[in-house]
Amino acid sequence: GGRRPADERRDVRLRRAATYAPADAPRIKRAIYQKLGGQFTTEEAYGATVSVRGFDVQKGRVCTMLSRWERQGMVERLDKGVYKKTYRQEMV
C-alpha cells in the first residue's frame, strides 16, 4: 500500500506549521537577530526578516519586533530607524 509512514506525515505537518510561525517565534527571531550587523537600520531588519521567513512581511510587523527587542534590551535605538545590538541576549 501507498501508506506514508506516520513520521513523514508529521514532518510535513511541522514544516507547514513552521511556515506560519509568528514573526517572533524564538527560532525565527534568533535567525533574524544573527543576520543583522552590530548596527543596522529598520530597512535592513526588514530585509533580514523577509529573507529568514521567505515571504513578504508587513513593515509594521518589523517595527513592532524592533520595539519589542528594544524593551527586552536586545537592541538600543541610536536614531530614528537606526539600531545597534547590545549582545546582552545573544541567544534569547
C-alpha atoms as a PDB file:
ATOM      1  CA  GLY A   1       0.000   0.000   0.000  1.00  0.00           C
ATOM      2  CA  GLY A   2       0.744   3.602  -0.566  1.00  0.00           C
ATOM      3  CA  ARG A   3       0.579   4.489   3.091  1.00  0.00           C
ATOM      4  CA  ARG A   4       3.034   7.116   4.238  1.00  0.00           C
ATOM      5  CA  PRO A   5       4.837   6.455   7.483  1.00  0.00           C
ATOM      6  CA  ALA A   6       3.431   8.488  10.347  1.00  0.00           C
ATOM      7  CA  ASP A   7       6.688  10.320  10.991  1.00  0.00           C
ATOM      8  CA  GLU A   8       6.852  11.536   7.402  1.00  0.00           C
ATOM      9  CA  ARG A   9       3.341  12.896   7.765  1.00  0.00           C
ATOM     10  CA  ARG A  10       4.415  14.592  10.970  1.00  0.00           C
ATOM     11  CA  ASP A  11       7.352  16.233   9.198  1.00  0.00           C
ATOM     12  CA  VAL A  12       5.046  17.676   6.593  1.00  0.00           C
ATOM     13  CA  ARG A  13       2.771  18.996   9.326  1.00  0.00           C
ATOM     14  CA  LEU A  14       5.686  20.538  11.180  1.00  0.00           C
ATOM     15  CA  ARG A  15       7.026  22.137   8.021  1.00  0.00           C
ATOM     16  CA  ARG A  16       3.615  23.573   7.261  1.00  0.00           C
ATOM     17  CA  ALA A  17       3.345  24.891  10.810  1.00  0.00           C
ATOM     18  CA  ALA A  18       6.773  26.499  10.545  1.00  0.00           C
ATOM     19  CA  THR A  19       5.644  28.477   7.518  1.00  0.00           C
ATOM     20  CA  TYR A  20       3.001  30.175   9.607  1.00  0.00           C
ATOM     21  CA  ALA A  21       5.101  30.716  12.707  1.00  0.00           C
ATOM     22  CA  PRO A  22       4.598  34.168  14.226  1.00  0.00           C
ATOM     23  CA  ALA A  23       7.311  36.711  13.453  1.00  0.00           C
ATOM     24  CA  ASP A  24       8.608  36.453  16.982  1.00  0.00           C
ATOM     25  CA  ALA A  25       8.852  32.685  17.185  1.00  0.00           C
ATOM     26  CA  PRO A  26      12.143  32.244  19.077  1.00  0.00           C
ATOM     27  CA  ARG A  27      13.942  30.368  16.304  1.00  0.00           C
ATOM     28  CA  ILE A  28      12.989  32.939  13.687  1.00  0.00           C
ATOM     29  CA  LYS A  29      13.749  35.857  15.962  1.00  0.00           C
ATOM     30  CA  ARG A  30      17.188  34.398  16.691  1.00  0.00           C
ATOM     31  CA  ALA A  31      17.897  33.858  12.996  1.00  0.00           C
ATOM     32  CA  ILE A  32      16.906  37.422  12.145  1.00  0.00           C
ATOM     33  CA  TYR A  33      18.949  38.819  15.034  1.00  0.00           C
ATOM     34  CA  GLN A  34      22.025  36.866  13.949  1.00  0.00           C
ATOM     35  CA  LYS A  35      21.690  38.029  10.355  1.00  0.00           C
ATOM     36  CA  LEU A  36      21.915  41.656  11.357  1.00  0.00           C
ATOM     37  CA  GLY A  37      25.168  43.536  11.793  1.00  0.00           C
ATOM     38  CA  GLY A  38      26.179  45.187  15.050  1.00  0.00           C
ATOM     39  CA  GLN A  39      24.461  48.339  13.841  1.00  0.00           C
ATOM     40  CA  PHE A  40      21.530  48.187  11.459  1.00  0.00           C
ATOM     41  CA  THR A  41      18.591  50.118  10.082  1.00  0.00           C
ATOM     42  CA  THR A  42      14.899  49.301  10.083  1.00  0.00           C
ATOM     43  CA  GLU A  43      15.277  48.692   6.351  1.00  0.00           C
ATOM     44  CA  GLU A  44      17.986  46.068   6.942  1.00  0.00           C
ATOM     45  CA  ALA A  45      15.913  44.428   9.664  1.00  0.00           C
ATOM     46  CA  TYR A  46      13.041  44.268   7.203  1.00  0.00           C
ATOM     47  CA  GLY A  47      15.272  42.641   4.575  1.00  0.00           C
ATOM     48  CA  ALA A  48      16.595  40.122   7.094  1.00  0.00           C
ATOM     49  CA  THR A  49      13.062  39.271   8.228  1.00  0.00           C
ATOM     50  CA  VAL A  50      11.898  38.679   4.671  1.00  0.00           C
ATOM     51  CA  SER A  51      14.919  36.533   3.856  1.00  0.00           C
ATOM     52  CA  VAL A  52      14.601  34.439   7.039  1.00  0.00           C
ATOM     53  CA  ARG A  53      10.867  33.963   6.699  1.00  0.00           C
ATOM     54  CA  GLY A  54      10.971  33.516   2.938  1.00  0.00           C
ATOM     55  CA  PHE A  55       7.987  35.717   2.171  1.00  0.00           C
ATOM     56  CA  ASP A  56       6.897  39.314   2.358  1.00  0.00           C
ATOM     57  CA  VAL A  57       6.220  40.765   5.787  1.00  0.00           C
ATOM     58  CA  GLN A  58       4.418  43.968   6.673  1.00  0.00           C
ATOM     59  CA  LYS A  59       6.832  46.762   7.611  1.00  0.00           C
ATOM     60  CA  GLY A  60       4.726  47.434  10.693  1.00  0.00           C
ATOM     61  CA  ARG A  61       5.418  43.914  11.988  1.00  0.00           C
ATOM     62  CA  VAL A  62       9.152  44.581  11.741  1.00  0.00           C
ATOM     63  CA  CYS A  63       8.857  47.859  13.661  1.00  0.00           C
ATOM     64  CA  THR A  64       6.866  46.068  16.346  1.00  0.00           C
ATOM     65  CA  MET A  65       9.548  43.403  16.570  1.00  0.00           C
ATOM     66  CA  LEU A  66      12.277  46.054  16.897  1.00  0.00           C
ATOM     67  CA  SER A  67      10.492  47.962  19.638  1.00  0.00           C
ATOM     68  CA  ARG A  68       9.964  44.667  21.466  1.00  0.00           C
ATOM     69  CA  TRP A  69      13.691  43.925  21.163  1.00  0.00           C
ATOM     70  CA  GLU A  70      14.414  47.382  22.492  1.00  0.00           C
ATOM     71  CA  ARG A  71      12.183  46.761  25.519  1.00  0.00           C
ATOM     72  CA  GLN A  72      13.911  43.418  26.093  1.00  0.00           C
ATOM     73  CA  GLY A  73      17.326  45.063  25.942  1.00  0.00           C
ATOM     74  CA  MET A  74      18.471  43.174  22.832  1.00  0.00           C
ATOM     75  CA  VAL A  75      18.964  46.351  20.825  1.00  0.00           C
ATOM     76  CA  GLU A  76      19.434  50.025  21.515  1.00  0.00           C
ATOM     77  CA  ARG A  77      17.891  52.683  19.323  1.00  0.00           C
ATOM     78  CA  LEU A  78      20.541  55.178  18.226  1.00  0.00           C
ATOM     79  CA  ASP A  79      18.405  57.286  15.952  1.00  0.00           C
ATOM     80  CA  LYS A  80      15.168  57.135  14.020  1.00  0.00           C
ATOM     81  CA  GLY A  81      15.370  53.813  12.182  1.00  0.00           C
ATOM     82  CA  VAL A  82      18.914  53.063  13.389  1.00  0.00           C
ATOM     83  CA  TYR A  83      19.626  50.418  15.999  1.00  0.00           C
ATOM     84  CA  LYS A  84      22.597  48.644  17.478  1.00  0.00           C
ATOM     85  CA  LYS A  85      22.768  45.237  19.131  1.00  0.00           C
ATOM     86  CA  THR A  86      23.566  45.159  22.819  1.00  0.00           C
ATOM     87  CA  TYR A  87      24.527  41.461  22.627  1.00  0.00           C
ATOM     88  CA  ARG A  88      23.097  41.198  26.117  1.00  0.00           C
ATOM     89  CA  GLN A  89      20.749  38.457  24.986  1.00  0.00           C
ATOM     90  CA  GLU A  90      22.529  36.981  22.001  1.00  0.00           C
ATOM     91  CA  MET A  91      20.831  33.604  22.455  1.00  0.00           C
ATOM     92  CA  VAL A  92      17.321  34.533  23.518  1.00  0.00           C
END
